[in-house]
Amino acid sequence: MPKETTENSGKKQILLRLSPTLWKELAGWAEDDFRSINGQIEYLLTECVRQRKKANAKP
C-alpha cells in the first residue's frame, strides 16, 4: 500500500488494521494519557524506536 504525505504536516498516512480487542485497549490507554488513538499509536512507536536506538548504541 503506498504511503501518502499530507500537504500541511509532512506526515505519512498509513492504513492500519487492528483487532477490536487491541483497539479497545489502545483507546482506553489513549484516554488515560489524554491523547487521541492516533496520537497514542504515534507516541508508542516513537518510544519503541527511541528505546531500540538506545539499546543498539551500547557497546
Protein backbone atom coordinates (compact mmCIF):
# COMPACT_ATOMS: atom_id res chain seq x y z
CA MET A 1 0.00 0.00 0.00
CA PRO A 2 1.51 3.36 -0.98
CA LYS A 3 2.12 5.94 1.69
CA GLU A 4 0.81 9.43 1.13
CA THR A 5 2.15 12.65 2.59
CA THR A 6 -0.37 15.12 3.97
CA GLU A 7 0.17 18.55 2.49
CA ASN A 8 0.29 20.61 5.65
CA SER A 9 2.12 18.37 8.16
CA GLY A 10 4.54 16.33 6.07
CA LYS A 11 3.47 13.20 7.99
CA LYS A 12 2.88 9.90 6.25
CA GLN A 13 -0.54 8.31 6.26
CA ILE A 14 -0.91 4.55 6.55
CA LEU A 15 -3.79 2.14 6.74
CA LEU A 16 -3.56 0.11 9.94
CA ARG A 17 -5.83 -2.80 10.76
CA LEU A 18 -6.20 -3.66 14.44
CA SER A 19 -8.21 -6.31 16.22
CA PRO A 20 -11.21 -4.99 18.15
CA THR A 21 -9.52 -6.07 21.39
CA LEU A 22 -6.31 -4.16 20.65
CA TRP A 23 -8.31 -1.12 19.52
CA LYS A 24 -10.23 -1.13 22.80
CA GLU A 25 -7.01 -1.39 24.83
CA LEU A 26 -5.35 1.44 22.89
CA ALA A 27 -8.46 3.61 23.16
CA GLY A 28 -8.50 3.21 26.93
CA TRP A 29 -4.79 3.89 27.22
CA ALA A 30 -5.05 6.95 24.98
CA GLU A 31 -7.90 8.30 27.08
CA ASP A 32 -5.84 7.81 30.26
CA ASP A 33 -2.97 9.75 28.67
CA PHE A 34 -5.26 12.48 27.22
CA ARG A 35 -4.31 11.58 23.63
CA SER A 36 -6.19 10.55 20.53
CA ILE A 37 -5.78 6.94 19.48
CA ASN A 38 -3.67 8.12 16.55
CA GLY A 39 -1.53 10.20 18.91
CA GLN A 40 -1.15 7.25 21.27
CA ILE A 41 -0.02 4.91 18.48
CA GLU A 42 2.48 7.51 17.24
CA TYR A 43 3.77 8.05 20.79
CA LEU A 44 4.21 4.30 21.37
CA LEU A 45 6.00 3.78 18.06
CA THR A 46 8.29 6.75 18.75
CA GLU A 47 9.16 5.36 22.19
CA CYS A 48 9.89 1.91 20.75
CA VAL A 49 12.22 3.37 18.12
CA ARG A 50 13.96 5.53 20.76
CA GLN A 51 14.48 2.51 23.04
CA ARG A 52 15.76 0.40 20.15
CA LYS A 53 18.28 3.08 19.19
CA LYS A 54 19.38 3.36 22.82
CA ALA A 55 19.80 -0.41 23.12
CA ASN A 56 21.77 -0.63 19.87
CA ALA A 57 24.07 2.25 20.89
CA LYS A 58 25.51 0.29 23.83
CA PRO A 59 28.94 -1.23 23.15
